[in-house]
Amino acid sequence: MAQQPRAWQRMLSGRRLDLLDPTPVDIEIEDIAHGLAFVARWNGQTHGDYAYSVAEHSLLVETLFARLNPKAPAKWKLAALLHDAPEYVIGDMISPVKAAVGPGYGALDERLTAAIHIRFGLPAAIPKTVKQQIKKADRISAWMEATQIAGFAEAEATRFFGKPDTSITQDLAIVLRPPVETRNDFTVRHTALLSEML
């Protein structure tokens, strides 16, 4: 009888996360923060001494989401912070690669997202309007990243991501720093948002 391929990953917390059937009890914020802090955006094709991590991107997206939606409750800010959380185990793929991989990647991402949301007190699927606002913040972040560290001219970045309103991006810049610092700030922000939800 053929042995089933291993579908779980051991986390630094000691948890074993089944990637095909993830459960909320096997998800820890420390694992997410650590993984995302070491996953590079743009396949690592960015200027600077450090890769721009998914954790750093997530912190920026949450900030942008809050600026776009100043009256949003903490739970939706948390959803913005966790919008790319599945990438702590499946990595970050640029959009052309996701499209080439096909629907399997999206289904895996959705299962992981649902388990992560439930683990931290969010609905498995967030409302479409909230998801759209998070996506808007995500695109603004992508434009900032593209023009500041990924080598895009503004016109090219605008063609792909749309030009953001400067009142939303005012005083914000792309930050490149050691992964441990980003990991710690991601965890602190997660804790703060959870406490606001209580």
C-alpha atoms as a PDB file:
ATOM      1  CA  MET A   1       0.000   0.000   0.000  1.00  0.00           C
ATOM      2  CA  ALA A   2       1.422   3.400  -1.028  1.00  0.00           C
ATOM      3  CA  GLN A   3       2.214   5.758   1.797  1.00  0.00           C
ATOM      4  CA  GLN A   4       0.345   9.068   1.800  1.00  0.00           C
ATOM      5  CA  PRO A   5       2.639  12.059   1.233  1.00  0.00           C
ATOM      6  CA  ARG A   6       3.251  14.167   4.339  1.00  0.00           C
ATOM      7  CA  ALA A   7       0.932  17.174   4.310  1.00  0.00           C
ATOM      8  CA  TRP A   8       1.893  18.756   7.632  1.00  0.00           C
ATOM      9  CA  GLN A   9       4.662  21.071   8.710  1.00  0.00           C
ATOM     10  CA  ARG A  10       6.229  21.223  12.144  1.00  0.00           C
ATOM     11  CA  MET A  11       6.293  24.749  13.544  1.00  0.00           C
ATOM     12  CA  LEU A  12       8.827  26.211  15.961  1.00  0.00           C
ATOM     13  CA  SER A  13       6.067  26.242  18.595  1.00  0.00           C
ATOM     14  CA  GLY A  14       5.951  22.447  18.292  1.00  0.00           C
ATOM     15  CA  ARG A  15       2.572  22.482  16.531  1.00  0.00           C
ATOM     16  CA  ARG A  16       2.036  20.314  13.471  1.00  0.00           C
ATOM     17  CA  LEU A  17      -0.060  22.170  10.951  1.00  0.00           C
ATOM     18  CA  ASP A  18      -1.872  20.044   8.379  1.00  0.00           C
ATOM     19  CA  LEU A  19      -1.699  22.167   5.245  1.00  0.00           C
ATOM     20  CA  LEU A  20      -4.567  20.326   3.555  1.00  0.00           C
ATOM     21  CA  ASP A  21      -6.873  20.331   6.569  1.00  0.00           C
ATOM     22  CA  PRO A  22      -5.691  23.088   8.938  1.00  0.00           C
ATOM     23  CA  THR A  23      -7.331  23.440  12.329  1.00  0.00           C
ATOM     24  CA  PRO A  24      -7.353  26.607  14.456  1.00  0.00           C
ATOM     25  CA  VAL A  25      -5.825  24.804  17.456  1.00  0.00           C
ATOM     26  CA  ASP A  26      -2.592  24.255  15.519  1.00  0.00           C
ATOM     27  CA  ILE A  27      -2.110  27.942  14.754  1.00  0.00           C
ATOM     28  CA  GLU A  28       0.026  30.221  16.936  1.00  0.00           C
ATOM     29  CA  ILE A  29       0.719  33.908  16.319  1.00  0.00           C
ATOM     30  CA  GLU A  30       4.412  33.414  17.110  1.00  0.00           C
ATOM     31  CA  ASP A  31       4.684  30.922  14.241  1.00  0.00           C
ATOM     32  CA  ILE A  32       2.874  33.289  11.872  1.00  0.00           C
ATOM     33  CA  ALA A  33       4.961  36.311  12.877  1.00  0.00           C
ATOM     34  CA  HIS A  34       8.219  34.371  12.609  1.00  0.00           C
ATOM     35  CA  GLY A  35       7.372  32.844   9.251  1.00  0.00           C
ATOM     36  CA  LEU A  36       6.129  36.093   7.694  1.00  0.00           C
ATOM     37  CA  ALA A  37       9.176  38.009   8.933  1.00  0.00           C
ATOM     38  CA  PHE A  38      11.390  35.670   6.907  1.00  0.00           C
ATOM     39  CA  VAL A  39       9.264  35.530   3.724  1.00  0.00           C
ATOM     40  CA  ALA A  40      10.397  38.089   1.147  1.00  0.00           C
ATOM     41  CA  ARG A  41       7.965  40.088  -0.958  1.00  0.00           C
ATOM     42  CA  TRP A  42       8.715  40.502  -4.678  1.00  0.00           C
ATOM     43  CA  ASN A  43      10.649  37.212  -4.648  1.00  0.00           C
ATOM     44  CA  GLY A  44      13.411  39.149  -2.896  1.00  0.00           C
ATOM     45  CA  GLN A  45      13.944  41.402  -5.932  1.00  0.00           C
ATOM     46  CA  THR A  46      14.150  44.627  -3.933  1.00  0.00           C
ATOM     47  CA  HIS A  47      16.826  47.198  -3.136  1.00  0.00           C
ATOM     48  CA  GLY A  48      18.297  47.397   0.356  1.00  0.00           C
ATOM     49  CA  ASP A  49      20.256  45.436   2.897  1.00  0.00           C
ATOM     50  CA  TYR A  50      17.236  43.432   4.056  1.00  0.00           C
ATOM     51  CA  ALA A  51      14.444  41.734   2.178  1.00  0.00           C
ATOM     52  CA  TYR A  52      11.075  43.417   2.452  1.00  0.00           C
ATOM     53  CA  SER A  53       9.110  40.857   4.411  1.00  0.00           C
ATOM     54  CA  VAL A  54       5.460  39.893   4.280  1.00  0.00           C
ATOM     55  CA  ALA A  55       5.271  40.774   7.992  1.00  0.00           C
ATOM     56  CA  GLU A  56       6.450  44.334   7.274  1.00  0.00           C
ATOM     57  CA  HIS A  57       4.009  44.558   4.365  1.00  0.00           C
ATOM     58  CA  SER A  58       1.188  43.341   6.621  1.00  0.00           C
ATOM     59  CA  LEU A  59       1.935  46.021   9.214  1.00  0.00           C
ATOM     60  CA  LEU A  60       1.798  48.659   6.474  1.00  0.00           C
ATOM     61  CA  VAL A  61      -1.443  47.282   5.016  1.00  0.00           C
ATOM     62  CA  GLU A  62      -3.072  47.413   8.451  1.00  0.00           C
ATOM     63  CA  THR A  63      -1.953  51.044   8.867  1.00  0.00           C
ATOM     64  CA  LEU A  64      -3.289  51.951   5.408  1.00  0.00           C
ATOM     65  CA  PHE A  65      -6.565  50.112   6.059  1.00  0.00           C
ATOM     66  CA  ALA A  66      -7.017  52.083   9.301  1.00  0.00           C
ATOM     67  CA  ARG A  67      -6.383  55.353   7.438  1.00  0.00           C
ATOM     68  CA  LEU A  68      -8.885  54.412   4.746  1.00  0.00           C
ATOM     69  CA  ASN A  69     -11.415  53.274   7.359  1.00  0.00           C
ATOM     70  CA  PRO A  70     -10.852  55.359  10.521  1.00  0.00           C
ATOM     71  CA  LYS A  71     -14.013  54.026  12.187  1.00  0.00           C
ATOM     72  CA  ALA A  72     -13.269  50.358  11.449  1.00  0.00           C
ATOM     73  CA  PRO A  73     -13.484  48.091  14.496  1.00  0.00           C
ATOM     74  CA  ALA A  74     -10.376  46.331  15.769  1.00  0.00           C
ATOM     75  CA  LYS A  75     -11.523  42.995  14.325  1.00  0.00           C
ATOM     76  CA  TRP A  76     -11.291  44.308  10.762  1.00  0.00           C
ATOM     77  CA  LYS A  77      -7.911  45.907  11.471  1.00  0.00           C
ATOM     78  CA  LEU A  78      -6.822  42.471  12.688  1.00  0.00           C
ATOM     79  CA  ALA A  79      -8.147  40.940   9.465  1.00  0.00           C
ATOM     80  CA  ALA A  80      -6.015  43.470   7.555  1.00  0.00           C
ATOM     81  CA  LEU A  81      -2.935  42.565   9.600  1.00  0.00           C
ATOM     82  CA  LEU A  82      -3.566  38.864   8.900  1.00  0.00           C
ATOM     83  CA  HIS A  83      -4.520  39.268   5.222  1.00  0.00           C
ATOM     84  CA  ASP A  84      -1.406  37.397   4.033  1.00  0.00           C
ATOM     85  CA  ALA A  85      -1.003  35.180   7.101  1.00  0.00           C
ATOM     86  CA  PRO A  86      -1.223  31.865   5.168  1.00  0.00           C
ATOM     87  CA  GLU A  87       2.053  32.807   3.518  1.00  0.00           C
ATOM     88  CA  TYR A  88       3.856  31.860   6.739  1.00  0.00           C
ATOM     89  CA  VAL A  89       3.599  28.270   5.490  1.00  0.00           C
ATOM     90  CA  ILE A  90       2.917  28.518   1.752  1.00  0.00           C
ATOM     91  CA  GLY A  91       5.228  31.433   0.963  1.00  0.00           C
ATOM     92  CA  ASP A  92       4.569  34.521  -1.110  1.00  0.00           C
ATOM     93  CA  MET A  93       4.074  34.155  -4.827  1.00  0.00           C
ATOM     94  CA  ILE A  94       3.892  37.041  -7.247  1.00  0.00           C
ATOM     95  CA  SER A  95       0.529  37.286  -9.025  1.00  0.00           C
ATOM     96  CA  PRO A  96       1.724  35.830 -12.368  1.00  0.00           C
ATOM     97  CA  VAL A  97       2.918  32.676 -10.590  1.00  0.00           C
ATOM     98  CA  LYS A  98      -0.363  32.343  -8.652  1.00  0.00           C
ATOM     99  CA  ALA A  99      -2.242  32.542 -11.940  1.00  0.00           C
ATOM    100  CA  ALA A 100      -0.006  29.876 -13.484  1.00  0.00           C
ATOM    101  CA  VAL A 101      -0.408  27.525 -10.498  1.00  0.00           C
ATOM    102  CA  GLY A 102      -4.168  27.710 -10.854  1.00  0.00           C
ATOM    103  CA  PRO A 103      -7.102  27.325  -8.456  1.00  0.00           C
ATOM    104  CA  GLY A 104      -5.317  24.865  -6.160  1.00  0.00           C
ATOM    105  CA  TYR A 105      -3.243  27.653  -4.625  1.00  0.00           C
ATOM    106  CA  GLY A 106      -6.342  29.746  -3.967  1.00  0.00           C
ATOM    107  CA  ALA A 107      -8.155  26.847  -2.311  1.00  0.00           C
ATOM    108  CA  LEU A 108      -5.174  26.149  -0.039  1.00  0.00           C
ATOM    109  CA  ASP A 109      -4.964  29.840   0.859  1.00  0.00           C
ATOM    110  CA  GLU A 110      -8.701  29.963   1.671  1.00  0.00           C
ATOM    111  CA  ARG A 111      -8.531  26.930   3.991  1.00  0.00           C
ATOM    112  CA  LEU A 112      -5.573  28.365   5.875  1.00  0.00           C
ATOM    113  CA  THR A 113      -7.183  31.809   6.072  1.00  0.00           C
ATOM    114  CA  ALA A 114     -10.389  30.366   7.523  1.00  0.00           C
ATOM    115  CA  ALA A 115      -8.484  28.444  10.217  1.00  0.00           C
ATOM    116  CA  ILE A 116      -6.372  31.507  11.087  1.00  0.00           C
ATOM    117  CA  HIS A 117      -9.424  33.740  11.311  1.00  0.00           C
ATOM    118  CA  ILE A 118     -11.285  31.329  13.576  1.00  0.00           C
ATOM    119  CA  ARG A 119      -8.210  30.953  15.795  1.00  0.00           C
ATOM    120  CA  PHE A 120      -8.182  34.684  16.498  1.00  0.00           C
ATOM    121  CA  GLY A 121     -11.906  35.321  16.836  1.00  0.00           C
ATOM    122  CA  LEU A 122     -12.711  36.449  13.304  1.00  0.00           C
ATOM    123  CA  PRO A 123     -15.337  34.947  11.011  1.00  0.00           C
ATOM    124  CA  ALA A 124     -13.907  32.296   8.692  1.00  0.00           C
ATOM    125  CA  ALA A 125     -14.836  34.498   5.733  1.00  0.00           C
ATOM    126  CA  ILE A 126     -14.890  38.248   6.246  1.00  0.00           C
ATOM    127  CA  PRO A 127     -17.542  40.465   4.611  1.00  0.00           C
ATOM    128  CA  LYS A 128     -16.937  41.317   0.965  1.00  0.00           C
ATOM    129  CA  THR A 129     -16.908  45.073   1.664  1.00  0.00           C
ATOM    130  CA  VAL A 130     -14.173  44.653   4.293  1.00  0.00           C
ATOM    131  CA  LYS A 131     -12.201  42.372   1.988  1.00  0.00           C
ATOM    132  CA  GLN A 132     -12.394  45.024  -0.755  1.00  0.00           C
ATOM    133  CA  GLN A 133     -11.081  47.716   1.594  1.00  0.00           C
ATOM    134  CA  ILE A 134      -8.201  45.470   2.676  1.00  0.00           C
ATOM    135  CA  LYS A 135      -7.439  44.806  -0.990  1.00  0.00           C
ATOM    136  CA  LYS A 136      -7.417  48.559  -1.619  1.00  0.00           C
ATOM    137  CA  ALA A 137      -4.861  49.020   1.193  1.00  0.00           C
ATOM    138  CA  ASP A 138      -2.887  46.082  -0.220  1.00  0.00           C
ATOM    139  CA  ARG A 139      -2.708  47.723  -3.656  1.00  0.00           C
ATOM    140  CA  ILE A 140      -1.577  51.038  -2.141  1.00  0.00           C
ATOM    141  CA  SER A 141       1.160  49.173  -0.288  1.00  0.00           C
ATOM    142  CA  ALA A 142       2.143  47.394  -3.503  1.00  0.00           C
ATOM    143  CA  TRP A 143       2.419  50.756  -5.312  1.00  0.00           C
ATOM    144  CA  MET A 144       4.617  52.136  -2.527  1.00  0.00           C
ATOM    145  CA  GLU A 145       6.812  49.036  -2.550  1.00  0.00           C
ATOM    146  CA  ALA A 146       7.046  48.996  -6.338  1.00  0.00           C
ATOM    147  CA  THR A 147       8.186  52.612  -6.560  1.00  0.00           C
ATOM    148  CA  GLN A 148      10.395  52.743  -3.461  1.00  0.00           C
ATOM    149  CA  ILE A 149      12.237  49.413  -3.458  1.00  0.00           C
ATOM    150  CA  ALA A 150      11.234  47.193  -6.419  1.00  0.00           C
ATOM    151  CA  GLY A 151      12.577  49.322  -9.263  1.00  0.00           C
ATOM    152  CA  PHE A 152       9.279  50.366 -10.884  1.00  0.00           C
ATOM    153  CA  ALA A 153       8.812  53.793 -12.423  1.00  0.00           C
ATOM    154  CA  GLU A 154       5.737  55.578 -11.026  1.00  0.00           C
ATOM    155  CA  ALA A 155       3.899  55.303 -14.339  1.00  0.00           C
ATOM    156  CA  GLU A 156       4.457  51.541 -14.484  1.00  0.00           C
ATOM    157  CA  ALA A 157       3.414  51.022 -10.867  1.00  0.00           C
ATOM    158  CA  THR A 158       0.325  53.155 -11.440  1.00  0.00           C
ATOM    159  CA  ARG A 159      -0.625  51.035 -14.447  1.00  0.00           C
ATOM    160  CA  PHE A 160      -0.525  47.859 -12.342  1.00  0.00           C
ATOM    161  CA  PHE A 161      -1.741  49.061  -8.945  1.00  0.00           C
ATOM    162  CA  GLY A 162      -3.371  52.468  -9.425  1.00  0.00           C
ATOM    163  CA  LYS A 163      -1.950  55.688  -7.986  1.00  0.00           C
ATOM    164  CA  PRO A 164      -2.813  56.143  -4.317  1.00  0.00           C
ATOM    165  CA  ASP A 165      -4.208  59.291  -2.765  1.00  0.00           C
ATOM    166  CA  THR A 166      -1.230  61.054  -1.193  1.00  0.00           C
ATOM    167  CA  SER A 167      -3.294  61.963   1.874  1.00  0.00           C
ATOM    168  CA  ILE A 168      -3.426  58.232   2.710  1.00  0.00           C
ATOM    169  CA  THR A 169       0.309  57.622   2.215  1.00  0.00           C
ATOM    170  CA  GLN A 170       1.511  60.861   3.819  1.00  0.00           C
ATOM    171  CA  ASP A 171       4.414  60.318   6.250  1.00  0.00           C
ATOM    172  CA  LEU A 172       4.573  56.600   5.392  1.00  0.00           C
ATOM    173  CA  ALA A 173       7.631  54.941   3.876  1.00  0.00           C
ATOM    174  CA  ILE A 174       8.788  51.435   3.145  1.00  0.00           C
ATOM    175  CA  VAL A 175      10.887  50.136   6.036  1.00  0.00           C
ATOM    176  CA  LEU A 176      13.686  47.608   5.627  1.00  0.00           C
ATOM    177  CA  ARG A 177      14.967  46.118   8.878  1.00  0.00           C
ATOM    178  CA  PRO A 178      16.091  42.883  10.481  1.00  0.00           C
ATOM    179  CA  PRO A 179      13.427  40.151  10.513  1.00  0.00           C
ATOM    180  CA  VAL A 180      13.507  39.843  14.302  1.00  0.00           C
ATOM    181  CA  GLU A 181      12.432  43.475  14.726  1.00  0.00           C
ATOM    182  CA  THR A 182       9.573  43.058  12.266  1.00  0.00           C
ATOM    183  CA  ARG A 183       8.510  39.786  13.882  1.00  0.00           C
ATOM    184  CA  ASN A 184       8.357  41.450  17.294  1.00  0.00           C
ATOM    185  CA  ASP A 185       6.365  44.444  16.038  1.00  0.00           C
ATOM    186  CA  PHE A 186       3.929  42.168  14.198  1.00  0.00           C
ATOM    187  CA  THR A 187       3.324  40.173  17.400  1.00  0.00           C
ATOM    188  CA  VAL A 188       2.904  43.332  19.490  1.00  0.00           C
ATOM    189  CA  ARG A 189       0.398  44.788  17.028  1.00  0.00           C
ATOM    190  CA  HIS A 190      -1.544  41.519  16.933  1.00  0.00           C
ATOM    191  CA  THR A 191      -1.743  41.485  20.746  1.00  0.00           C
ATOM    192  CA  ALA A 192      -2.902  45.107  20.828  1.00  0.00           C
ATOM    193  CA  LEU A 193      -5.677  44.485  18.313  1.00  0.00           C
ATOM    194  CA  LEU A 194      -6.832  41.346  20.140  1.00  0.00           C
ATOM    195  CA  SER A 195      -7.046  43.291  23.393  1.00  0.00           C
ATOM    196  CA  GLU A 196      -9.149  45.972  21.648  1.00  0.00           C
ATOM    197  CA  MET A 197     -11.567  43.252  20.543  1.00  0.00           C
ATOM    198  CA  LEU A 198     -12.282  42.122  24.120  1.00  0.00           C
END
